[in-house]
Amino acid sequence: MRRYALVFLAGLLLLAACSPAPPPESLPGDWQAFDAYAAALIGREMERYKLVGVSAAVVDGDNIIWARGFGWADAAGGVPATPATVYRAGSVSKLLNAAAVMQLCDEGKLDLDKPVAAYLPDYSLRSRFPDGPPVTLRRLLTHHAGLPSDIVGGMWGEDPPHFTSIVALLKEEYAAYPPGYIAAYSNVGSCLAGVVVERTAGEAYADYLDRRLLAPLGMAGSSFAPRPEVVRRLAKGYDKEGRERAEVGIRDVPAGGLYTSVVDLGRFLAMLFNEGEQKRRRPHPVAGGGAGAAARAAGCAA
């Protein structure tokens, strides 16, 4: 079965309520028709939601088959958005955080079903459910740990505390549900899993992810830290009126602090589609070389 995914990164939320009519005579492999359709759809949604810049890519199995930027990464500076433009990916970060956990499980250093307290002796959480099962890595990654969704104080700011501070903060919090009872989205749980990764790896979380996951996948434009080589390609942030806004720091880095591009995310997705292996091929060209040339310039081609 062929698996397709469309990857979007934008300065503001992009939602398509209804799409333009697809090309009437589109055939498989007709990337000129697809490019025209995608440009019409994305252009319309950019206008609707007042988006300054958008980057998009399509992954087919283990291949990035189309990638293109629209609008501006820096409107005032005249820098266009491209497939290589870097954005902060928000909760997409959790996928790579989970991959790091699973790598350590494969190496026998972690066990998904062992209590988190076995890896974090200083972890504790107040609970009204004393007879509930333990919080495990599996429950953290699947949002079944019963932890609070967020600890808002200190979550955002110019100089937020390090994400490992979540362990101490949880000592004053109560469990929202018994572990394993219900799926309840939790940035706190993903952040706690990141603490387990850092302590088990014995090195800084961002360094470990760079070395063990991002670099092997060729995700050179990505990092969980604001490294100069990544930030120089970072898109500017804008509000709904198009006014430039400074980036706000985030404490819960494993849950939402990834800097990346659609091309790099495409590489990660292709690896998942290919069950852990990486096989990159040259992306399909489109009319005028637009998306194909942009994708190759971004480093898509092997």
C-alpha atoms as a PDB file:
ATOM      1  CA  MET A   1       0.000   0.000   0.000  1.00  0.00           C
ATOM      2  CA  ARG A   2       1.361   3.406  -0.960  1.00  0.00           C
ATOM      3  CA  ARG A   3       1.468   5.967   1.815  1.00  0.00           C
ATOM      4  CA  TYR A   4       1.286   9.700   1.204  1.00  0.00           C
ATOM      5  CA  ALA A   5       1.635  12.586   3.616  1.00  0.00           C
ATOM      6  CA  LEU A   6       1.425  16.334   3.158  1.00  0.00           C
ATOM      7  CA  VAL A   7       3.706  18.310   5.468  1.00  0.00           C
ATOM      8  CA  PHE A   8       2.909  21.964   6.196  1.00  0.00           C
ATOM      9  CA  LEU A   9       4.842  24.514   8.230  1.00  0.00           C
ATOM     10  CA  ALA A  10       3.596  28.063   8.564  1.00  0.00           C
ATOM     11  CA  GLY A  11       3.904  31.136  10.731  1.00  0.00           C
ATOM     12  CA  LEU A  12       0.221  30.831  11.664  1.00  0.00           C
ATOM     13  CA  LEU A  13      -2.353  28.008  11.688  1.00  0.00           C
ATOM     14  CA  LEU A  14      -3.351  26.739   8.232  1.00  0.00           C
ATOM     15  CA  LEU A  15      -6.764  25.048   7.909  1.00  0.00           C
ATOM     16  CA  ALA A  16      -8.441  24.168   4.623  1.00  0.00           C
ATOM     17  CA  ALA A  17     -12.223  24.226   5.060  1.00  0.00           C
ATOM     18  CA  CYS A  18     -12.888  23.387   1.417  1.00  0.00           C
ATOM     19  CA  SER A  19     -10.451  22.818  -1.417  1.00  0.00           C
ATOM     20  CA  PRO A  20     -10.375  24.155  -4.972  1.00  0.00           C
ATOM     21  CA  ALA A  21     -11.598  21.676  -7.541  1.00  0.00           C
ATOM     22  CA  PRO A  22      -8.801  19.230  -8.467  1.00  0.00           C
ATOM     23  CA  PRO A  23      -7.497  19.278 -12.048  1.00  0.00           C
ATOM     24  CA  PRO A  24     -10.100  17.560 -14.293  1.00  0.00           C
ATOM     25  CA  GLU A  25      -7.548  15.600 -16.332  1.00  0.00           C
ATOM     26  CA  SER A  26      -4.886  14.876 -13.719  1.00  0.00           C
ATOM     27  CA  LEU A  27      -2.938  11.629 -14.155  1.00  0.00           C
ATOM     28  CA  PRO A  28      -0.593   9.888 -11.697  1.00  0.00           C
ATOM     29  CA  GLY A  29       2.765  11.590 -11.963  1.00  0.00           C
ATOM     30  CA  ASP A  30       1.321  14.794 -13.444  1.00  0.00           C
ATOM     31  CA  TRP A  31       3.239  17.112 -11.133  1.00  0.00           C
ATOM     32  CA  GLN A  32       2.582  20.198 -13.210  1.00  0.00           C
ATOM     33  CA  ALA A  33      -1.151  19.809 -12.563  1.00  0.00           C
ATOM     34  CA  PHE A  34      -0.523  19.060  -8.890  1.00  0.00           C
ATOM     35  CA  ASP A  35       1.728  22.084  -8.497  1.00  0.00           C
ATOM     36  CA  ALA A  36      -0.914  24.365  -9.977  1.00  0.00           C
ATOM     37  CA  TYR A  37      -3.600  22.861  -7.727  1.00  0.00           C
ATOM     38  CA  ALA A  38      -1.430  23.130  -4.589  1.00  0.00           C
ATOM     39  CA  ALA A  39      -0.496  26.733  -5.399  1.00  0.00           C
ATOM     40  CA  ALA A  40      -4.188  27.648  -5.789  1.00  0.00           C
ATOM     41  CA  LEU A  41      -5.162  25.931  -2.540  1.00  0.00           C
ATOM     42  CA  ILE A  42      -2.301  27.288  -0.444  1.00  0.00           C
ATOM     43  CA  GLY A  43      -2.580  30.773  -1.933  1.00  0.00           C
ATOM     44  CA  ARG A  44      -6.264  30.916  -1.075  1.00  0.00           C
ATOM     45  CA  GLU A  45      -5.704  29.744   2.493  1.00  0.00           C
ATOM     46  CA  MET A  46      -2.812  32.157   2.982  1.00  0.00           C
ATOM     47  CA  GLU A  47      -5.133  34.991   2.042  1.00  0.00           C
ATOM     48  CA  ARG A  48      -7.944  33.703   4.239  1.00  0.00           C
ATOM     49  CA  TYR A  49      -5.789  33.284   7.351  1.00  0.00           C
ATOM     50  CA  LYS A  50      -3.441  36.212   6.651  1.00  0.00           C
ATOM     51  CA  LEU A  51      -0.378  33.981   6.457  1.00  0.00           C
ATOM     52  CA  VAL A  52       2.875  35.645   5.493  1.00  0.00           C
ATOM     53  CA  GLY A  53       4.760  32.495   4.555  1.00  0.00           C
ATOM     54  CA  VAL A  54       4.103  28.775   4.107  1.00  0.00           C
ATOM     55  CA  SER A  55       6.325  25.846   3.189  1.00  0.00           C
ATOM     56  CA  ALA A  56       4.887  22.501   2.104  1.00  0.00           C
ATOM     57  CA  ALA A  57       6.134  19.094   1.009  1.00  0.00           C
ATOM     58  CA  VAL A  58       4.589  15.811  -0.106  1.00  0.00           C
ATOM     59  CA  VAL A  59       6.097  12.466   0.886  1.00  0.00           C
ATOM     60  CA  ASP A  60       5.269   9.304  -1.070  1.00  0.00           C
ATOM     61  CA  GLY A  61       6.558   6.255   0.755  1.00  0.00           C
ATOM     62  CA  ASP A  62      10.291   6.801   1.165  1.00  0.00           C
ATOM     63  CA  ASN A  63      10.553   9.702  -1.275  1.00  0.00           C
ATOM     64  CA  ILE A  64       9.963  13.450  -1.000  1.00  0.00           C
ATOM     65  CA  ILE A  65       8.173  13.961  -4.302  1.00  0.00           C
ATOM     66  CA  TRP A  66       7.245  17.648  -4.119  1.00  0.00           C
ATOM     67  CA  ALA A  67       8.326  20.628  -2.022  1.00  0.00           C
ATOM     68  CA  ARG A  68       7.726  24.348  -2.376  1.00  0.00           C
ATOM     69  CA  GLY A  69       7.640  27.600  -0.435  1.00  0.00           C
ATOM     70  CA  PHE A  70       4.998  30.339  -0.714  1.00  0.00           C
ATOM     71  CA  GLY A  71       5.146  33.946   0.449  1.00  0.00           C
ATOM     72  CA  TRP A  72       7.890  35.256   2.694  1.00  0.00           C
ATOM     73  CA  ALA A  73      10.177  33.970   5.400  1.00  0.00           C
ATOM     74  CA  ASP A  74      11.092  37.609   6.042  1.00  0.00           C
ATOM     75  CA  ALA A  75       8.685  40.048   4.394  1.00  0.00           C
ATOM     76  CA  ALA A  76      10.595  43.215   5.264  1.00  0.00           C
ATOM     77  CA  GLY A  77      13.893  41.694   4.171  1.00  0.00           C
ATOM     78  CA  GLY A  78      12.449  40.278   0.953  1.00  0.00           C
ATOM     79  CA  VAL A  79      13.464  36.703   1.848  1.00  0.00           C
ATOM     80  CA  PRO A  80      11.079  34.192   0.233  1.00  0.00           C
ATOM     81  CA  ALA A  81       9.813  31.065   1.982  1.00  0.00           C
ATOM     82  CA  THR A  82      11.366  27.909   0.517  1.00  0.00           C
ATOM     83  CA  PRO A  83      11.362  24.189   1.372  1.00  0.00           C
ATOM     84  CA  ALA A  84      14.530  24.875   3.403  1.00  0.00           C
ATOM     85  CA  THR A  85      12.963  27.664   5.494  1.00  0.00           C
ATOM     86  CA  VAL A  86      13.068  26.771   9.195  1.00  0.00           C
ATOM     87  CA  TYR A  87      10.041  27.064  11.467  1.00  0.00           C
ATOM     88  CA  ARG A  88       9.447  26.010  15.032  1.00  0.00           C
ATOM     89  CA  ALA A  89       7.318  22.916  14.600  1.00  0.00           C
ATOM     90  CA  GLY A  90       5.371  22.945  17.867  1.00  0.00           C
ATOM     91  CA  SER A  91       3.866  19.623  18.889  1.00  0.00           C
ATOM     92  CA  VAL A  92       5.302  17.818  15.857  1.00  0.00           C
ATOM     93  CA  SER A  93       8.382  17.774  18.132  1.00  0.00           C
ATOM     94  CA  LYS A  94       6.728  14.987  20.131  1.00  0.00           C
ATOM     95  CA  LEU A  95       7.196  12.527  17.253  1.00  0.00           C
ATOM     96  CA  LEU A  96      10.963  12.910  17.332  1.00  0.00           C
ATOM     97  CA  ASN A  97      10.963  12.845  21.131  1.00  0.00           C
ATOM     98  CA  ALA A  98       9.148   9.495  20.967  1.00  0.00           C
ATOM     99  CA  ALA A  99      11.626   8.232  18.359  1.00  0.00           C
ATOM    100  CA  ALA A 100      14.486   9.035  20.739  1.00  0.00           C
ATOM    101  CA  VAL A 101      12.764   7.049  23.492  1.00  0.00           C
ATOM    102  CA  MET A 102      12.280   4.092  21.151  1.00  0.00           C
ATOM    103  CA  GLN A 103      15.932   4.145  20.076  1.00  0.00           C
ATOM    104  CA  LEU A 104      16.968   3.817  23.715  1.00  0.00           C
ATOM    105  CA  CYS A 105      14.434   1.011  24.162  1.00  0.00           C
ATOM    106  CA  ASP A 106      15.948  -0.813  21.167  1.00  0.00           C
ATOM    107  CA  GLU A 107      19.355  -0.526  22.841  1.00  0.00           C
ATOM    108  CA  GLY A 108      17.989  -2.054  26.050  1.00  0.00           C
ATOM    109  CA  LYS A 109      18.547   1.148  28.029  1.00  0.00           C
ATOM    110  CA  LEU A 110      14.838   1.869  28.540  1.00  0.00           C
ATOM    111  CA  ASP A 111      11.730  -0.247  28.980  1.00  0.00           C
ATOM    112  CA  LEU A 112       8.385   1.211  27.888  1.00  0.00           C
ATOM    113  CA  ASP A 113       6.498  -0.548  30.668  1.00  0.00           C
ATOM    114  CA  LYS A 114       8.838   0.145  33.561  1.00  0.00           C
ATOM    115  CA  PRO A 115       7.720   2.868  36.028  1.00  0.00           C
ATOM    116  CA  VAL A 116       9.181   6.267  35.153  1.00  0.00           C
ATOM    117  CA  ALA A 117      10.347   6.552  38.755  1.00  0.00           C
ATOM    118  CA  ALA A 118      12.890   3.824  37.994  1.00  0.00           C
ATOM    119  CA  TYR A 119      14.642   6.276  35.644  1.00  0.00           C
ATOM    120  CA  LEU A 120      13.833   9.456  37.579  1.00  0.00           C
ATOM    121  CA  PRO A 121      14.223   8.732  41.312  1.00  0.00           C
ATOM    122  CA  ASP A 122      13.297  12.341  42.117  1.00  0.00           C
ATOM    123  CA  TYR A 123       9.971  12.104  40.254  1.00  0.00           C
ATOM    124  CA  SER A 124       6.816  12.364  42.335  1.00  0.00           C
ATOM    125  CA  LEU A 125       3.258  13.562  41.762  1.00  0.00           C
ATOM    126  CA  ARG A 126       0.400  14.107  44.152  1.00  0.00           C
ATOM    127  CA  SER A 127      -2.502  11.783  43.443  1.00  0.00           C
ATOM    128  CA  ARG A 128      -6.058  11.115  44.529  1.00  0.00           C
ATOM    129  CA  PHE A 129      -5.731   7.652  43.007  1.00  0.00           C
ATOM    130  CA  PRO A 130      -3.316   5.771  45.283  1.00  0.00           C
ATOM    131  CA  ASP A 131      -4.332   2.375  43.912  1.00  0.00           C
ATOM    132  CA  GLY A 132      -3.747   3.303  40.279  1.00  0.00           C
ATOM    133  CA  PRO A 133      -1.067   1.684  38.096  1.00  0.00           C
ATOM    134  CA  PRO A 134       2.335   3.371  37.691  1.00  0.00           C
ATOM    135  CA  VAL A 135       3.226   6.071  35.197  1.00  0.00           C
ATOM    136  CA  THR A 136       5.309   4.412  32.477  1.00  0.00           C
ATOM    137  CA  LEU A 137       7.041   5.642  29.327  1.00  0.00           C
ATOM    138  CA  ARG A 138       4.377   3.935  27.224  1.00  0.00           C
ATOM    139  CA  ARG A 139       1.681   5.910  29.022  1.00  0.00           C
ATOM    140  CA  LEU A 140       3.651   9.146  28.700  1.00  0.00           C
ATOM    141  CA  LEU A 141       4.088   8.725  24.943  1.00  0.00           C
ATOM    142  CA  THR A 142       0.447   7.752  24.350  1.00  0.00           C
ATOM    143  CA  HIS A 143      -0.977  10.481  26.640  1.00  0.00           C
ATOM    144  CA  HIS A 144      -2.441   7.934  29.053  1.00  0.00           C
ATOM    145  CA  ALA A 145      -0.308   8.814  32.092  1.00  0.00           C
ATOM    146  CA  GLY A 146      -2.977  10.939  33.796  1.00  0.00           C
ATOM    147  CA  LEU A 147      -0.634  13.917  34.115  1.00  0.00           C
ATOM    148  CA  PRO A 148      -1.774  17.551  33.869  1.00  0.00           C
ATOM    149  CA  SER A 149      -1.945  18.889  30.319  1.00  0.00           C
ATOM    150  CA  ASP A 150       0.358  21.836  31.088  1.00  0.00           C
ATOM    151  CA  ILE A 151       2.128  23.636  33.879  1.00  0.00           C
ATOM    152  CA  VAL A 152       1.564  27.119  32.543  1.00  0.00           C
ATOM    153  CA  GLY A 153       3.775  29.109  34.912  1.00  0.00           C
ATOM    154  CA  GLY A 154       7.168  29.432  33.219  1.00  0.00           C
ATOM    155  CA  MET A 155       6.095  27.545  30.102  1.00  0.00           C
ATOM    156  CA  TRP A 156       6.732  30.568  27.853  1.00  0.00           C
ATOM    157  CA  GLY A 157       8.979  33.589  28.204  1.00  0.00           C
ATOM    158  CA  GLU A 158      12.115  35.381  27.094  1.00  0.00           C
ATOM    159  CA  ASP A 159      14.290  33.140  29.268  1.00  0.00           C
ATOM    160  CA  PRO A 160      12.238  30.104  30.348  1.00  0.00           C
ATOM    161  CA  PRO A 161      13.704  27.557  32.776  1.00  0.00           C
ATOM    162  CA  HIS A 162      15.298  24.373  31.465  1.00  0.00           C
ATOM    163  CA  PHE A 163      12.787  21.665  30.613  1.00  0.00           C
ATOM    164  CA  THR A 164      14.208  19.337  33.272  1.00  0.00           C
ATOM    165  CA  SER A 165      12.667  21.682  35.866  1.00  0.00           C
ATOM    166  CA  ILE A 166       9.377  19.912  35.094  1.00  0.00           C
ATOM    167  CA  VAL A 167      10.371  17.141  37.533  1.00  0.00           C
ATOM    168  CA  ALA A 168      10.510  19.536  40.488  1.00  0.00           C
ATOM    169  CA  LEU A 169       7.372  21.374  39.364  1.00  0.00           C
ATOM    170  CA  LEU A 170       5.361  18.148  39.265  1.00  0.00           C
ATOM    171  CA  LYS A 171       5.953  17.582  42.981  1.00  0.00           C
ATOM    172  CA  GLU A 172       3.378  20.321  43.661  1.00  0.00           C
ATOM    173  CA  GLU A 173       0.851  19.101  41.073  1.00  0.00           C
ATOM    174  CA  TYR A 174      -1.953  16.541  41.239  1.00  0.00           C
ATOM    175  CA  ALA A 175      -2.633  13.762  38.765  1.00  0.00           C
ATOM    176  CA  ALA A 176      -5.601  14.611  36.562  1.00  0.00           C
ATOM    177  CA  TYR A 177      -6.635  10.951  36.098  1.00  0.00           C
ATOM    178  CA  PRO A 178      -5.454   7.510  37.151  1.00  0.00           C
ATOM    179  CA  PRO A 179      -2.704   6.281  34.807  1.00  0.00           C
ATOM    180  CA  GLY A 180      -4.127   4.236  31.956  1.00  0.00           C
ATOM    181  CA  TYR A 181      -7.686   5.501  32.516  1.00  0.00           C
ATOM    182  CA  ILE A 182      -8.186   7.883  29.604  1.00  0.00           C
ATOM    183  CA  ALA A 183      -6.322   9.548  26.739  1.00  0.00           C
ATOM    184  CA  ALA A 184      -5.661  13.134  27.841  1.00  0.00           C
ATOM    185  CA  TYR A 185      -3.180  15.243  25.883  1.00  0.00           C
ATOM    186  CA  SER A 186      -0.223  16.298  27.997  1.00  0.00           C
ATOM    187  CA  ASN A 187       2.757  18.464  27.100  1.00  0.00           C
ATOM    188  CA  VAL A 188       3.983  17.726  30.609  1.00  0.00           C
ATOM    189  CA  GLY A 189       4.106  13.992  29.864  1.00  0.00           C
ATOM    190  CA  SER A 190       6.122  14.464  26.679  1.00  0.00           C
ATOM    191  CA  CYS A 191       8.478  16.805  28.490  1.00  0.00           C
ATOM    192  CA  LEU A 192       8.960  14.221  31.258  1.00  0.00           C
ATOM    193  CA  ALA A 193       9.815  11.594  28.631  1.00  0.00           C
ATOM    194  CA  GLY A 194      12.444  14.017  27.317  1.00  0.00           C
ATOM    195  CA  VAL A 195      13.969  14.239  30.793  1.00  0.00           C
ATOM    196  CA  VAL A 196      14.254  10.440  30.791  1.00  0.00           C
ATOM    197  CA  VAL A 197      16.022  10.609  27.411  1.00  0.00           C
ATOM    198  CA  GLU A 198      18.521  13.221  28.584  1.00  0.00           C
ATOM    199  CA  ARG A 199      19.397  11.434  31.810  1.00  0.00           C
ATOM    200  CA  THR A 200      19.639   8.024  30.163  1.00  0.00           C
ATOM    201  CA  ALA A 201      21.769   9.351  27.291  1.00  0.00           C
ATOM    202  CA  GLY A 202      24.070  11.189  29.687  1.00  0.00           C
ATOM    203  CA  GLU A 203      24.298  14.281  27.500  1.00  0.00           C
ATOM    204  CA  ALA A 204      22.275  17.388  26.688  1.00  0.00           C
ATOM    205  CA  TYR A 205      18.953  16.499  25.084  1.00  0.00           C
ATOM    206  CA  ALA A 206      19.449  18.664  21.979  1.00  0.00           C
ATOM    207  CA  ASP A 207      22.989  17.324  21.464  1.00  0.00           C
ATOM    208  CA  TYR A 208      21.776  13.747  21.741  1.00  0.00           C
ATOM    209  CA  LEU A 209      18.901  14.264  19.292  1.00  0.00           C
ATOM    210  CA  ASP A 210      21.268  15.999  16.861  1.00  0.00           C
ATOM    211  CA  ARG A 211      23.777  13.164  17.026  1.00  0.00           C
ATOM    212  CA  ARG A 212      21.526  10.100  17.134  1.00  0.00           C
ATOM    213  CA  LEU A 213      18.470  11.102  15.094  1.00  0.00           C
ATOM    214  CA  LEU A 214      18.717  14.332  13.119  1.00  0.00           C
ATOM    215  CA  ALA A 215      22.233  13.984  11.687  1.00  0.00           C
ATOM    216  CA  PRO A 216      21.813  10.338  10.589  1.00  0.00           C
ATOM    217  CA  LEU A 217      18.639  11.339   8.713  1.00  0.00           C
ATOM    218  CA  GLY A 218      20.371  14.250   7.000  1.00  0.00           C
ATOM    219  CA  MET A 219      18.202  16.779   8.869  1.00  0.00           C
ATOM    220  CA  ALA A 220      20.950  19.401   8.866  1.00  0.00           C
ATOM    221  CA  GLY A 221      18.462  22.268   9.083  1.00  0.00           C
ATOM    222  CA  SER A 222      16.853  20.973  12.277  1.00  0.00           C
ATOM    223  CA  SER A 223      17.631  21.058  15.989  1.00  0.00           C
ATOM    224  CA  PHE A 224      15.990  21.199  19.399  1.00  0.00           C
ATOM    225  CA  ALA A 225      18.349  24.084  20.208  1.00  0.00           C
ATOM    226  CA  PRO A 226      18.517  27.505  18.498  1.00  0.00           C
ATOM    227  CA  ARG A 227      21.851  26.794  16.833  1.00  0.00           C
ATOM    228  CA  PRO A 228      23.201  29.603  14.585  1.00  0.00           C
ATOM    229  CA  GLU A 229      23.203  27.447  11.444  1.00  0.00           C
ATOM    230  CA  VAL A 230      19.497  26.700  12.009  1.00  0.00           C
ATOM    231  CA  VAL A 231      18.326  30.102  13.225  1.00  0.00           C
ATOM    232  CA  ARG A 232      19.803  31.882  10.198  1.00  0.00           C
ATOM    233  CA  ARG A 233      17.114  30.177   8.088  1.00  0.00           C
ATOM    234  CA  LEU A 234      14.320  30.724  10.637  1.00  0.00           C
ATOM    235  CA  ALA A 235      11.161  32.398   9.351  1.00  0.00           C
ATOM    236  CA  LYS A 236      10.067  35.600  11.039  1.00  0.00           C
ATOM    237  CA  GLY A 237       6.945  35.453  13.176  1.00  0.00           C
ATOM    238  CA  TYR A 238       3.887  37.592  12.412  1.00  0.00           C
ATOM    239  CA  ASP A 239       0.538  38.271  14.033  1.00  0.00           C
ATOM    240  CA  LYS A 240      -2.793  38.230  12.180  1.00  0.00           C
ATOM    241  CA  GLU A 241      -2.308  41.851  11.136  1.00  0.00           C
ATOM    242  CA  GLY A 242       1.011  40.981   9.506  1.00  0.00           C
ATOM    243  CA  ARG A 243       3.099  42.731  12.157  1.00  0.00           C
ATOM    244  CA  GLU A 244       6.416  41.094  12.974  1.00  0.00           C
ATOM    245  CA  ARG A 245       6.590  39.471  16.400  1.00  0.00           C
ATOM    246  CA  ALA A 246       9.634  38.222  18.271  1.00  0.00           C
ATOM    247  CA  GLU A 247       9.907  34.506  18.961  1.00  0.00           C
ATOM    248  CA  VAL A 248       8.876  33.484  22.475  1.00  0.00           C
ATOM    249  CA  GLY A 249      11.044  30.975  24.319  1.00  0.00           C
ATOM    250  CA  ILE A 250       9.564  27.657  25.435  1.00  0.00           C
ATOM    251  CA  ARG A 251      10.416  25.586  28.505  1.00  0.00           C
ATOM    252  CA  ASP A 252       8.946  22.251  27.364  1.00  0.00           C
ATOM    253  CA  VAL A 253      11.445  21.685  24.540  1.00  0.00           C
ATOM    254  CA  PRO A 254      10.802  17.934  23.990  1.00  0.00           C
ATOM    255  CA  ALA A 255       7.089  18.676  23.604  1.00  0.00           C
ATOM    256  CA  GLY A 256       7.331  21.648  21.260  1.00  0.00           C
ATOM    257  CA  GLY A 257      10.805  23.104  20.753  1.00  0.00           C
ATOM    258  CA  LEU A 258      11.933  21.563  17.456  1.00  0.00           C
ATOM    259  CA  TYR A 259      13.302  23.885  14.762  1.00  0.00           C
ATOM    260  CA  THR A 260      12.891  22.259  11.352  1.00  0.00           C
ATOM    261  CA  SER A 261      11.947  22.584   7.686  1.00  0.00           C
ATOM    262  CA  VAL A 262       9.384  20.697   5.612  1.00  0.00           C
ATOM    263  CA  VAL A 263      12.179  18.965   3.715  1.00  0.00           C
ATOM    264  CA  ASP A 264      13.749  17.730   6.945  1.00  0.00           C
ATOM    265  CA  LEU A 265      10.375  16.628   8.297  1.00  0.00           C
ATOM    266  CA  GLY A 266       9.844  14.826   5.003  1.00  0.00           C
ATOM    267  CA  ARG A 267      13.046  12.882   5.603  1.00  0.00           C
ATOM    268  CA  PHE A 268      11.839  11.852   9.049  1.00  0.00           C
ATOM    269  CA  LEU A 269       8.447  10.847   7.678  1.00  0.00           C
ATOM    270  CA  ALA A 270      10.002   8.879   4.820  1.00  0.00           C
ATOM    271  CA  MET A 271      12.082   6.969   7.374  1.00  0.00           C
ATOM    272  CA  LEU A 272       8.916   6.054   9.290  1.00  0.00           C
ATOM    273  CA  PHE A 273       7.122   4.995   6.113  1.00  0.00           C
ATOM    274  CA  ASN A 274      10.125   2.827   5.249  1.00  0.00           C
ATOM    275  CA  GLU A 275      10.063   1.148   8.695  1.00  0.00           C
ATOM    276  CA  GLY A 276      13.218   2.750   9.982  1.00  0.00           C
ATOM    277  CA  GLU A 277      15.299   2.753   6.805  1.00  0.00           C
ATOM    278  CA  GLN A 278      16.238   5.795   4.737  1.00  0.00           C
ATOM    279  CA  LYS A 279      16.170   5.673   0.939  1.00  0.00           C
ATOM    280  CA  ARG A 280      16.135   9.066  -0.712  1.00  0.00           C
ATOM    281  CA  ARG A 281      15.543   9.620  -4.407  1.00  0.00           C
ATOM    282  CA  ARG A 282      15.416  12.702  -6.551  1.00  0.00           C
ATOM    283  CA  PRO A 283      12.073  14.562  -6.275  1.00  0.00           C
ATOM    284  CA  HIS A 284       9.835  14.928  -9.309  1.00  0.00           C
ATOM    285  CA  PRO A 285      10.261  18.195 -11.239  1.00  0.00           C
ATOM    286  CA  VAL A 286       7.288  20.457 -11.909  1.00  0.00           C
ATOM    287  CA  ALA A 287       6.461  23.200 -14.368  1.00  0.00           C
ATOM    288  CA  GLY A 288       9.353  25.620 -14.748  1.00  0.00           C
ATOM    289  CA  GLY A 289      11.417  23.629 -12.248  1.00  0.00           C
ATOM    290  CA  GLY A 290       9.688  25.534  -9.412  1.00  0.00           C
ATOM    291  CA  ALA A 291       9.099  22.951  -6.707  1.00  0.00           C
ATOM    292  CA  GLY A 292      11.548  20.395  -8.006  1.00  0.00           C
ATOM    293  CA  ALA A 293      14.374  22.925  -8.235  1.00  0.00           C
ATOM    294  CA  ALA A 294      13.527  24.319  -4.821  1.00  0.00           C
ATOM    295  CA  ALA A 295      13.506  20.839  -3.314  1.00  0.00           C
ATOM    296  CA  ARG A 296      16.864  19.972  -4.850  1.00  0.00           C
ATOM    297  CA  ALA A 297      18.321  23.278  -3.688  1.00  0.00           C
ATOM    298  CA  ALA A 298      17.134  22.410  -0.181  1.00  0.00           C
ATOM    299  CA  GLY A 299      19.078  19.168  -0.326  1.00  0.00           C
ATOM    300  CA  CYS A 300      16.306  16.685  -1.113  1.00  0.00           C
ATOM    301  CA  ALA A 301      18.201  14.887  -3.814  1.00  0.00           C
ATOM    302  CA  ALA A 302      20.515  12.107  -2.773  1.00  0.00           C
END
